[in-house]
Amino acid sequence: MIHQEPKIKVALLQNRNEANISLNGKFFLPNGRAIKGRFTVCADQDLILLVDSSQKEILRQKEILLSAAEGSSFTVSDVKIGIDFHWQRSQEQSFCGDIFLSADFGCSFHLINEIPLEDYLKSVISSEMSATAPLEFLKAQAIVARSWLVAMLAKKKAPRCLSGIKTENEIIVWHDVNDHEGFDVCADDHCQRYQGITGIISASVHEAIESTRGLYLVYAGEICDARYYKSCGGQTEIFATAWEDKSPAYLVSVTDDVQQHPPIQSEAQAQKWLTGRPRAYCDTTDKELLSNILPAFDQETPDFYRWQVVYTRKELEEIIRNKSGIDFGELRDLIPLERGPSGRIFRLKIEGSRKTMIVGKELEIRRWLSLSHLLSSAFVVSVERTATGEVRRFILSGGGWGHGVGLCQIGAAVMAAKGLKAEEILVHYFSGAILKKIY
C-alpha cells in the first residue's frame, strides 16, 4: 500500500506522428533553458523532433521532458475523446504539470502529462461528470477514482492475467487497463476521463479534492479496485461479468434503490426487468438535474436507463462482420447464454447460415453489435420474421449505460441531490468497504 501522494503519467496522445502544443508560460528543457509559445512535435525515425513556430529545431531526442514553471499550463490541439464510442469527437484541451514526450516503435510518440495524483483528480471528477454536480457526489467520485487508480497501478506490477479465451467456436475476451506500456493511464474512457482544466473545474471540485485528499476505499487492508460507469439500469453487476473470473467481496450486485430486487436468473426475469421500468436512483428524466450532473456531450444520450436498438437483418450482418472479422452468412438468431445479476450478458451465441459462435464478455458483445458500442450488454432480443421464417429485424431492448460494476454515477449523483452524504453513497455501492486516510 502507498504511503504518500504518487505522481501519475497520463497519455494525452498515443502513437501520434505529429502534434501541436502551446506552452502557456515557462517550461524548461533538460538543459535548463526556458521556452514558451507554440511548438510542433514530430516523430523522426526513432526520435522526437521539437520545432518552434518559425520551424527552428529546438531538440531531437528519443525522450524529451518539458518541466513546467509554477503557474504554467499547456494546450494540446486535436485530442480525441470517447474513442470508438458514439460520443467520439476532438477537442482542444489545456493541462497543468509537466510534458513527457516518449518515442514509440514505428515512427510515432506518446505525449504524456506527468502530474501529482490529487491535481489529476480535479480534472477527472470534472470530466467524468459535471463540475456543477452536488458536492457529496463529487467527493464520492474523487474517492472512487483515487482508489481505482492506485489499485490499478499495484495490479500492473503483478504478473499479467489471462485476458481471454479463443477457440474455433468461442471468443471470450475482456479489456482492462494494465496493458498500457510507458505510462500509467490514458486520458479517455478506456481508463478514466481526464480532459484538462479548460472551463470545467469549479470551487466545489477543489473542495471535494481537498476534503478527501488521501482518502481511499479499503477492504481487508487493501485499496479497493473501485470501478464505476454511467448507469446500472437498476441493478449493479459483478466483476466477473466484465473481467477475469474473480469476485471481490466489495463488488457484489446491489439494487440501485432502497427497495431490493432479486438478481436476474432467467430469460423470463430479464424480459420483465428490461422491458419494464423498476424504480431506481439512476432512472431520472429531470432535465435540470441531468444538466447539472452530466457533461454536455453525455446529455446527448437521454435514454440511458431503458433503451432500444433496431436493426434490419442485413444491417446487423454487416456490423458483426466488420467488427468481428467473421462472415456468419445469413444471421438467424442471437441467443443469450449467460447473464450476470443485472441482466448483462457475458456469453452470447450468434447463429448464422455459415458460422455459429459464442462471444463474450460484456464489452466485446457491445462492440460486435454496434457501429460504436451498445450502451450495455443488458438487453433482450426480439426477432421479427417473415411468413416463411426468414429474419426481417432484430430488436434489442436494453437497460443501463456501461459495465455496471461498482459506482453508478448517475444513481450516486441523484442520491447526493436527495441529501445523502458521500460515505452513505459509497457504502451503498461498495459492500463492506471502509474509508481510510493514507496520506
Protein backbone atom coordinates (compact mmCIF):
# COMPACT_ATOMS: atom_id res chain seq x y z
CA MET A 1 0.00 0.00 0.00
CA ILE A 2 1.22 3.52 -0.81
CA HIS A 3 2.20 5.99 1.95
CA GLN A 4 2.37 9.28 0.04
CA GLU A 5 0.81 11.01 -2.94
CA PRO A 6 2.13 9.49 -6.19
CA LYS A 7 2.87 11.29 -9.44
CA ILE A 8 0.88 9.98 -12.41
CA LYS A 9 1.85 9.58 -16.07
CA VAL A 10 -1.22 10.22 -18.24
CA ALA A 11 -1.04 9.68 -22.02
CA LEU A 12 -2.92 12.54 -23.68
CA LEU A 13 -1.95 11.42 -27.19
CA GLN A 14 -0.85 7.91 -28.17
CA ASN A 15 1.04 6.68 -31.22
CA ARG A 16 0.98 10.06 -32.95
CA ASN A 17 3.43 11.21 -35.61
CA GLU A 18 2.70 14.91 -35.15
CA ALA A 19 1.09 17.18 -32.57
CA ASN A 20 0.73 20.92 -31.91
CA ILE A 21 1.19 22.26 -28.39
CA SER A 22 1.13 25.75 -26.87
CA LEU A 23 3.18 26.40 -23.75
CA ASN A 24 1.23 28.93 -21.69
CA GLY A 25 4.06 30.17 -19.52
CA LYS A 26 7.60 28.93 -18.98
CA PHE A 27 8.67 25.32 -19.48
CA PHE A 28 12.23 24.15 -19.01
CA LEU A 29 14.20 21.88 -21.32
CA PRO A 30 16.52 19.24 -19.75
CA ASN A 31 19.45 21.68 -20.11
CA GLY A 32 17.62 24.31 -18.05
CA ARG A 33 16.70 26.58 -20.96
CA ALA A 34 13.24 28.16 -20.63
CA ILE A 35 10.84 28.12 -23.60
CA LYS A 36 7.23 29.18 -24.20
CA GLY A 37 4.87 29.69 -27.14
CA ARG A 38 3.66 27.38 -29.92
CA PHE A 39 5.56 24.24 -30.91
CA THR A 40 5.18 21.25 -33.18
CA VAL A 41 6.21 17.75 -32.11
CA CYS A 42 7.09 15.29 -34.89
CA ALA A 43 8.22 11.68 -35.00
CA ASP A 44 11.52 11.38 -36.89
CA GLN A 45 12.57 7.75 -37.25
CA ASP A 46 13.01 6.57 -33.63
CA LEU A 47 13.47 10.12 -32.33
CA ILE A 48 11.22 13.05 -31.41
CA LEU A 49 11.70 16.43 -33.08
CA LEU A 50 10.58 19.59 -31.29
CA VAL A 51 10.35 22.70 -33.50
CA ASP A 52 9.09 26.22 -32.74
CA SER A 53 6.63 28.33 -34.74
CA SER A 54 9.38 29.51 -37.10
CA GLN A 55 10.27 25.85 -37.85
CA LYS A 56 13.52 26.15 -35.94
CA GLU A 57 14.65 22.85 -34.43
CA ILE A 58 14.74 23.04 -30.63
CA LEU A 59 15.58 19.46 -29.72
CA ARG A 60 15.82 16.00 -31.27
CA GLN A 61 15.89 13.09 -28.80
CA LYS A 62 14.29 9.74 -28.01
CA GLU A 63 12.67 11.24 -24.91
CA ILE A 64 12.02 14.89 -24.05
CA LEU A 65 10.90 16.22 -20.66
CA LEU A 66 9.47 19.75 -20.50
CA SER A 67 9.21 20.81 -16.85
CA ALA A 68 6.54 23.38 -16.03
CA ALA A 69 7.32 26.51 -14.05
CA GLU A 70 4.87 27.27 -11.24
CA GLY A 71 1.59 28.55 -12.65
CA SER A 72 2.29 27.43 -16.23
CA SER A 73 -0.03 25.28 -18.32
CA PHE A 74 -0.04 23.87 -21.83
CA THR A 75 -2.64 23.37 -24.55
CA VAL A 76 -2.89 20.40 -26.91
CA SER A 77 -4.83 20.50 -30.18
CA ASP A 78 -6.90 17.65 -31.62
CA VAL A 79 -7.31 15.46 -28.53
CA LYS A 80 -9.77 12.67 -29.28
CA ILE A 81 -12.28 11.82 -26.55
CA GLY A 82 -14.82 8.98 -26.37
CA ILE A 83 -12.67 6.95 -28.76
CA ASP A 84 -14.79 4.33 -30.61
CA PHE A 85 -17.89 5.27 -28.60
CA HIS A 86 -20.90 7.12 -30.03
CA TRP A 87 -19.83 10.45 -28.48
CA GLN A 88 -16.33 10.43 -30.05
CA ARG A 89 -15.03 13.88 -31.03
CA SER A 90 -11.89 16.03 -30.98
CA GLN A 91 -11.19 18.86 -28.56
CA GLU A 92 -8.51 21.40 -27.75
CA GLN A 93 -7.59 20.87 -24.09
CA SER A 94 -5.31 22.57 -21.56
CA PHE A 95 -3.40 20.91 -18.71
CA CYS A 96 -1.15 21.65 -15.75
CA GLY A 97 2.01 19.70 -14.91
CA ASP A 98 5.00 18.53 -16.94
CA ILE A 99 5.14 17.19 -20.51
CA PHE A 100 6.98 13.97 -21.30
CA LEU A 101 7.43 13.03 -24.95
CA SER A 102 8.35 9.39 -25.47
CA ALA A 103 9.25 7.84 -28.85
CA ASP A 104 7.38 4.65 -29.68
CA PHE A 105 8.16 1.98 -32.25
CA GLY A 106 7.11 2.68 -35.83
CA CYS A 107 7.84 6.43 -36.14
CA SER A 108 5.37 7.62 -33.51
CA PHE A 109 5.38 9.03 -29.99
CA HIS A 110 3.27 9.37 -26.85
CA LEU A 111 2.54 12.80 -25.35
CA ILE A 112 2.36 12.22 -21.61
CA ASN A 113 1.34 14.55 -18.80
CA GLU A 114 3.21 14.00 -15.51
CA ILE A 115 1.15 15.38 -12.65
CA PRO A 116 0.56 14.76 -8.90
CA LEU A 117 -2.41 12.46 -8.29
CA GLU A 118 -4.59 14.97 -6.44
CA ASP A 119 -4.19 17.60 -9.21
CA TYR A 120 -5.00 14.90 -11.77
CA LEU A 121 -8.20 14.03 -9.89
CA LYS A 122 -9.51 17.62 -10.10
CA SER A 123 -9.78 17.14 -13.84
CA VAL A 124 -11.01 13.54 -13.64
CA ILE A 125 -14.05 14.28 -11.48
CA SER A 126 -14.87 17.30 -13.66
CA SER A 127 -14.54 15.23 -16.84
CA GLU A 128 -16.32 12.05 -15.78
CA MET A 129 -19.33 14.08 -14.66
CA SER A 130 -20.03 17.82 -14.43
CA ALA A 131 -18.20 20.17 -12.07
CA THR A 132 -21.64 21.53 -11.11
CA ALA A 133 -22.76 18.14 -9.70
CA PRO A 134 -23.64 18.02 -5.98
CA LEU A 135 -20.62 18.30 -3.68
CA GLU A 136 -21.26 14.97 -1.92
CA PHE A 137 -21.28 13.20 -5.29
CA LEU A 138 -18.01 14.89 -6.30
CA LYS A 139 -16.47 13.68 -3.02
CA ALA A 140 -17.66 10.13 -3.65
CA GLN A 141 -16.38 10.24 -7.26
CA ALA A 142 -12.99 11.53 -6.08
CA ILE A 143 -12.60 8.69 -3.56
CA VAL A 144 -13.63 6.06 -6.11
CA ALA A 145 -11.39 7.41 -8.89
CA ARG A 146 -8.43 7.71 -6.50
CA SER A 147 -8.93 4.17 -5.20
CA TRP A 148 -9.33 2.64 -8.65
CA LEU A 149 -6.19 4.31 -9.97
CA VAL A 150 -3.88 3.28 -7.14
CA ALA A 151 -5.30 -0.28 -7.09
CA MET A 152 -4.74 -0.47 -10.85
CA LEU A 153 -1.12 0.72 -10.53
CA ALA A 154 -0.48 -2.03 -7.98
CA LYS A 155 -2.17 -4.53 -10.31
CA LYS A 156 0.13 -3.52 -13.17
CA LYS A 157 3.13 -4.64 -11.12
CA ALA A 158 1.67 -8.12 -10.66
CA PRO A 159 2.06 -10.92 -13.26
CA ARG A 160 -0.19 -10.48 -16.28
CA CYS A 161 -3.56 -12.20 -16.01
CA LEU A 162 -5.15 -14.17 -18.82
CA SER A 163 -7.27 -11.71 -20.85
CA GLY A 164 -9.31 -14.08 -22.94
CA ILE A 165 -10.01 -17.50 -24.40
CA LYS A 166 -10.28 -18.08 -28.15
CA THR A 167 -11.30 -21.36 -29.79
CA GLU A 168 -12.81 -22.22 -33.15
CA ASN A 169 -16.33 -21.70 -31.84
CA GLU A 170 -15.91 -19.28 -28.93
CA ILE A 171 -14.23 -15.91 -28.38
CA ILE A 172 -14.26 -14.70 -24.78
CA VAL A 173 -12.12 -11.62 -24.20
CA TRP A 174 -12.06 -8.73 -21.77
CA HIS A 175 -10.33 -5.39 -21.83
CA ASP A 176 -8.63 -3.88 -18.81
CA VAL A 177 -6.13 -1.01 -18.48
CA ASN A 178 -2.99 -2.65 -17.18
CA ASP A 179 -1.92 -3.35 -20.76
CA HIS A 180 -0.58 0.21 -21.20
CA GLU A 181 3.21 0.39 -21.53
CA GLY A 182 5.28 3.52 -20.91
CA PHE A 183 2.60 5.37 -18.96
CA ASP A 184 0.11 4.74 -16.15
CA VAL A 185 -3.22 5.61 -17.74
CA CYS A 186 -4.69 7.07 -20.90
CA ALA A 187 -6.89 10.18 -20.76
CA ASP A 188 -10.08 8.65 -22.17
CA ASP A 189 -12.94 6.32 -21.20
CA HIS A 190 -10.69 3.24 -21.55
CA CYS A 191 -9.15 4.33 -18.23
CA GLN A 192 -10.92 7.37 -16.82
CA ARG A 193 -11.72 10.69 -18.42
CA TYR A 194 -9.08 13.41 -18.00
CA GLN A 195 -9.97 16.41 -20.13
CA GLY A 196 -7.78 19.13 -18.67
CA ILE A 197 -8.56 22.37 -16.88
CA THR A 198 -10.34 24.38 -19.58
CA GLY A 199 -13.50 25.78 -18.03
CA ILE A 200 -14.51 22.64 -16.15
CA ILE A 201 -13.00 22.86 -12.65
CA SER A 202 -15.27 24.54 -10.07
CA ALA A 203 -14.94 25.63 -6.45
CA SER A 204 -16.90 22.50 -5.48
CA VAL A 205 -14.34 20.32 -7.28
CA HIS A 206 -11.48 21.94 -5.35
CA GLU A 207 -13.41 21.41 -2.10
CA ALA A 208 -14.18 17.78 -2.99
CA ILE A 209 -10.49 17.03 -3.61
CA GLU A 210 -9.17 18.91 -0.58
CA SER A 211 -11.74 17.42 1.82
CA THR A 212 -11.00 13.85 0.64
CA ARG A 213 -7.24 14.22 -0.03
CA GLY A 214 -5.52 10.87 0.54
CA LEU A 215 -8.82 9.14 1.37
CA TYR A 216 -9.31 5.64 -0.10
CA LEU A 217 -11.84 2.82 -0.15
CA VAL A 218 -10.22 -0.13 1.62
CA TYR A 219 -11.32 -3.73 2.13
CA ALA A 220 -9.39 -6.32 4.19
CA GLY A 221 -6.38 -3.99 4.32
CA GLU A 222 -6.16 -3.47 0.53
CA ILE A 223 -7.19 -0.48 -1.56
CA CYS A 224 -10.36 -1.36 -3.49
CA ASP A 225 -10.38 -1.82 -7.25
CA ALA A 226 -13.30 0.62 -7.30
CA ARG A 227 -14.95 0.54 -10.72
CA TYR A 228 -17.62 2.96 -11.96
CA TYR A 229 -19.77 3.76 -15.03
CA LYS A 230 -22.75 5.92 -16.01
CA SER A 231 -25.94 3.96 -15.19
CA CYS A 232 -26.54 0.49 -13.79
CA GLY A 233 -30.09 0.27 -15.15
CA GLY A 234 -31.49 -0.58 -11.72
CA GLN A 235 -29.10 -3.31 -10.51
CA THR A 236 -25.29 -3.30 -10.33
CA GLU A 237 -23.16 -6.05 -11.81
CA ILE A 238 -20.43 -8.38 -10.51
CA PHE A 239 -16.78 -8.13 -11.56
CA ALA A 240 -16.57 -11.45 -13.42
CA THR A 241 -19.23 -10.41 -15.96
CA ALA A 242 -16.85 -7.80 -17.38
CA TRP A 243 -13.35 -9.01 -16.50
CA GLU A 244 -11.50 -12.05 -15.19
CA ASP A 245 -13.32 -14.72 -13.20
CA LYS A 246 -12.93 -13.38 -9.70
CA SER A 247 -15.40 -11.89 -7.26
CA PRO A 248 -14.16 -9.11 -4.93
CA ALA A 249 -16.43 -9.13 -1.89
CA TYR A 250 -16.97 -5.36 -2.07
CA LEU A 251 -18.27 -5.58 -5.68
CA VAL A 252 -21.40 -7.65 -5.13
CA SER A 253 -24.58 -6.85 -7.04
CA VAL A 254 -26.85 -4.34 -5.29
CA THR A 255 -30.15 -2.73 -6.21
CA ASP A 256 -29.97 0.95 -7.11
CA ASP A 257 -32.81 1.78 -4.75
CA VAL A 258 -33.84 1.30 -1.14
CA GLN A 259 -36.26 -1.43 -2.30
CA GLN A 260 -34.32 -4.62 -3.05
CA HIS A 261 -34.92 -6.63 -6.22
CA PRO A 262 -33.80 -10.22 -6.80
CA PRO A 263 -30.91 -10.73 -9.24
CA ILE A 264 -31.74 -11.80 -12.81
CA GLN A 265 -31.56 -15.59 -13.04
CA SER A 266 -33.66 -16.45 -16.11
CA GLU A 267 -34.58 -15.11 -19.53
CA ALA A 268 -38.16 -14.56 -18.33
CA GLN A 269 -36.86 -12.36 -15.48
CA ALA A 270 -34.57 -10.48 -17.89
CA GLN A 271 -37.51 -9.86 -20.24
CA LYS A 272 -39.68 -8.47 -17.45
CA TRP A 273 -36.83 -6.40 -15.96
CA LEU A 274 -35.52 -4.84 -19.17
CA THR A 275 -38.89 -4.14 -20.78
CA GLY A 276 -40.27 -2.75 -17.51
CA ARG A 277 -39.19 0.29 -15.54
CA PRO A 278 -38.42 -0.65 -11.92
CA ARG A 279 -37.74 2.29 -9.61
CA ALA A 280 -34.07 3.24 -9.25
CA TYR A 281 -31.92 6.25 -8.39
CA CYS A 282 -30.43 6.28 -11.89
CA ASP A 283 -33.88 6.39 -13.51
CA THR A 284 -34.23 10.15 -13.85
CA THR A 285 -35.57 12.29 -16.67
CA ASP A 286 -35.16 15.55 -14.73
CA LYS A 287 -33.51 17.75 -17.39
CA GLU A 288 -32.35 20.37 -14.90
CA LEU A 289 -30.71 17.75 -12.69
CA LEU A 290 -29.11 15.98 -15.66
CA SER A 291 -27.74 19.30 -16.95
CA ASN A 292 -26.09 19.81 -13.56
CA ILE A 293 -24.55 16.34 -13.25
CA LEU A 294 -23.66 15.32 -16.82
CA PRO A 295 -21.13 16.87 -19.23
CA ALA A 296 -22.77 18.40 -22.31
CA PHE A 297 -21.84 15.53 -24.65
CA ASP A 298 -23.26 12.93 -22.23
CA GLN A 299 -26.57 14.81 -22.23
CA GLU A 300 -26.84 13.84 -25.91
CA THR A 301 -27.70 10.30 -24.65
CA PRO A 302 -31.05 10.80 -22.86
CA ASP A 303 -32.29 7.17 -23.00
CA PHE A 304 -29.71 5.54 -20.76
CA TYR A 305 -31.96 3.82 -18.21
CA ARG A 306 -34.06 1.94 -20.78
CA TRP A 307 -33.22 1.98 -24.48
CA GLN A 308 -33.94 0.18 -27.72
CA VAL A 309 -31.88 -0.50 -30.86
CA VAL A 310 -33.48 -1.85 -34.04
CA TYR A 311 -31.53 -3.39 -36.94
CA THR A 312 -32.59 -4.95 -40.18
CA ARG A 313 -31.02 -8.37 -40.60
CA LYS A 314 -28.66 -7.12 -43.30
CA GLU A 315 -27.61 -4.11 -41.21
CA LEU A 316 -26.64 -6.29 -38.27
CA GLU A 317 -24.92 -8.85 -40.51
CA GLU A 318 -22.68 -6.10 -41.89
CA ILE A 319 -21.94 -4.63 -38.45
CA ILE A 320 -20.99 -8.01 -36.97
CA ARG A 321 -18.87 -8.91 -40.00
CA ASN A 322 -16.99 -5.59 -39.83
CA LYS A 323 -16.50 -5.69 -36.05
CA SER A 324 -15.65 -9.38 -35.62
CA GLY A 325 -13.94 -10.10 -38.93
CA ILE A 326 -16.18 -13.18 -39.24
CA ASP A 327 -18.71 -13.85 -42.00
CA PHE A 328 -21.67 -15.51 -40.29
CA GLY A 329 -23.65 -15.62 -43.51
CA GLU A 330 -27.37 -15.03 -43.12
CA LEU A 331 -27.97 -14.09 -39.50
CA ARG A 332 -30.53 -16.37 -37.89
CA ASP A 333 -30.54 -15.66 -34.15
CA LEU A 334 -28.89 -14.03 -31.13
CA ILE A 335 -29.19 -16.23 -28.04
CA PRO A 336 -28.10 -15.07 -24.56
CA LEU A 337 -26.38 -18.00 -22.82
CA GLU A 338 -25.24 -16.43 -19.54
CA ARG A 339 -26.16 -13.24 -17.75
CA GLY A 340 -24.95 -11.51 -14.63
CA PRO A 341 -27.35 -10.45 -11.84
CA SER A 342 -28.06 -7.08 -13.52
CA GLY A 343 -29.13 -8.82 -16.72
CA ARG A 344 -25.87 -8.05 -18.54
CA ILE A 345 -24.99 -10.83 -20.99
CA PHE A 346 -21.45 -12.16 -20.83
CA ARG A 347 -21.87 -15.13 -23.20
CA LEU A 348 -23.93 -14.63 -26.36
CA LYS A 349 -24.44 -17.17 -29.15
CA ILE A 350 -24.58 -15.75 -32.67
CA GLU A 351 -26.19 -18.16 -35.16
CA GLY A 352 -25.66 -17.75 -38.89
CA SER A 353 -26.02 -19.84 -42.02
CA ARG A 354 -22.23 -20.13 -42.39
CA LYS A 355 -20.98 -19.87 -38.82
CA THR A 356 -22.21 -20.12 -35.24
CA MET A 357 -20.06 -18.72 -32.45
CA ILE A 358 -20.19 -17.66 -28.82
CA VAL A 359 -18.83 -14.19 -27.94
CA GLY A 360 -18.10 -12.53 -24.58
CA LYS A 361 -17.53 -10.82 -22.23
CA GLU A 362 -19.79 -7.81 -21.90
CA LEU A 363 -17.69 -5.17 -23.69
CA GLU A 364 -16.91 -7.45 -26.64
CA ILE A 365 -20.63 -8.17 -27.04
CA ARG A 366 -21.34 -4.43 -27.02
CA ARG A 367 -18.60 -3.87 -29.60
CA TRP A 368 -19.73 -6.60 -32.01
CA LEU A 369 -23.38 -5.47 -32.06
CA SER A 370 -22.96 -1.75 -32.78
CA LEU A 371 -21.22 0.68 -35.12
CA SER A 372 -19.66 2.10 -31.92
CA HIS A 373 -20.68 0.23 -28.74
CA LEU A 374 -24.08 -0.69 -27.33
CA LEU A 375 -24.82 1.27 -24.17
CA SER A 376 -24.63 -2.00 -22.21
CA SER A 377 -24.91 -5.76 -22.67
CA ALA A 378 -28.11 -5.83 -20.57
CA PHE A 379 -30.65 -6.43 -23.33
CA VAL A 380 -33.25 -8.91 -24.51
CA VAL A 381 -33.61 -9.89 -28.16
CA SER A 382 -36.81 -9.88 -30.21
CA VAL A 383 -36.66 -11.32 -33.72
CA GLU A 384 -39.22 -10.33 -36.35
CA ARG A 385 -39.62 -12.94 -39.10
CA THR A 386 -41.41 -13.14 -42.41
CA ALA A 387 -44.22 -15.62 -43.07
CA THR A 388 -41.58 -18.05 -44.39
CA GLY A 389 -39.47 -17.76 -41.22
CA GLU A 390 -36.74 -15.51 -42.63
CA VAL A 391 -35.43 -12.93 -40.17
CA ARG A 392 -36.54 -9.39 -41.01
CA ARG A 393 -35.39 -7.37 -37.98
CA PHE A 394 -33.61 -7.70 -34.64
CA ILE A 395 -34.89 -5.54 -31.76
CA LEU A 396 -32.59 -5.14 -28.74
CA SER A 397 -34.38 -3.75 -25.67
CA GLY A 398 -31.85 -2.84 -23.00
CA GLY A 399 -31.06 -1.03 -19.81
CA GLY A 400 -28.15 0.88 -18.33
CA TRP A 401 -25.03 2.56 -19.68
CA GLY A 402 -21.67 0.91 -19.06
CA HIS A 403 -20.40 -2.29 -17.45
CA GLY A 404 -22.44 -1.86 -14.29
CA VAL A 405 -19.71 -2.81 -11.78
CA GLY A 406 -19.31 -0.62 -8.69
CA LEU A 407 -20.45 3.02 -8.54
CA CYS A 408 -23.43 4.02 -10.69
CA GLN A 409 -22.52 7.65 -11.42
CA ILE A 410 -25.99 8.92 -12.28
CA GLY A 411 -27.51 6.97 -9.39
CA ALA A 412 -24.89 8.34 -6.99
CA ALA A 413 -25.43 11.90 -8.22
CA VAL A 414 -29.18 11.57 -7.72
CA MET A 415 -28.57 10.19 -4.22
CA ALA A 416 -26.42 13.24 -3.43
CA ALA A 417 -29.10 15.56 -4.82
CA LYS A 418 -31.54 13.90 -2.42
CA GLY A 419 -29.26 14.75 0.51
CA LEU A 420 -27.19 11.59 1.03
CA LYS A 421 -23.57 12.02 2.11
CA ALA A 422 -20.56 10.68 0.22
CA GLU A 423 -19.93 7.94 2.80
CA GLU A 424 -23.55 6.74 2.57
CA ILE A 425 -23.30 6.61 -1.22
CA LEU A 426 -20.06 4.62 -1.12
CA VAL A 427 -21.35 2.16 1.49
CA HIS A 428 -24.33 1.51 -0.80
CA TYR A 429 -22.23 0.59 -3.84
CA PHE A 430 -19.14 -0.98 -2.20
CA SER A 431 -20.37 -3.53 0.32
CA GLY A 432 -18.19 -3.83 3.42
CA ALA A 433 -15.55 -1.32 2.30
CA ILE A 434 -14.33 1.35 4.69
CA LEU A 435 -12.74 4.77 4.18
CA LYS A 436 -9.11 5.15 5.22
CA LYS A 437 -6.87 8.23 5.02
CA ILE A 438 -3.46 7.09 3.77
CA TYR A 439 -1.66 10.43 3.36
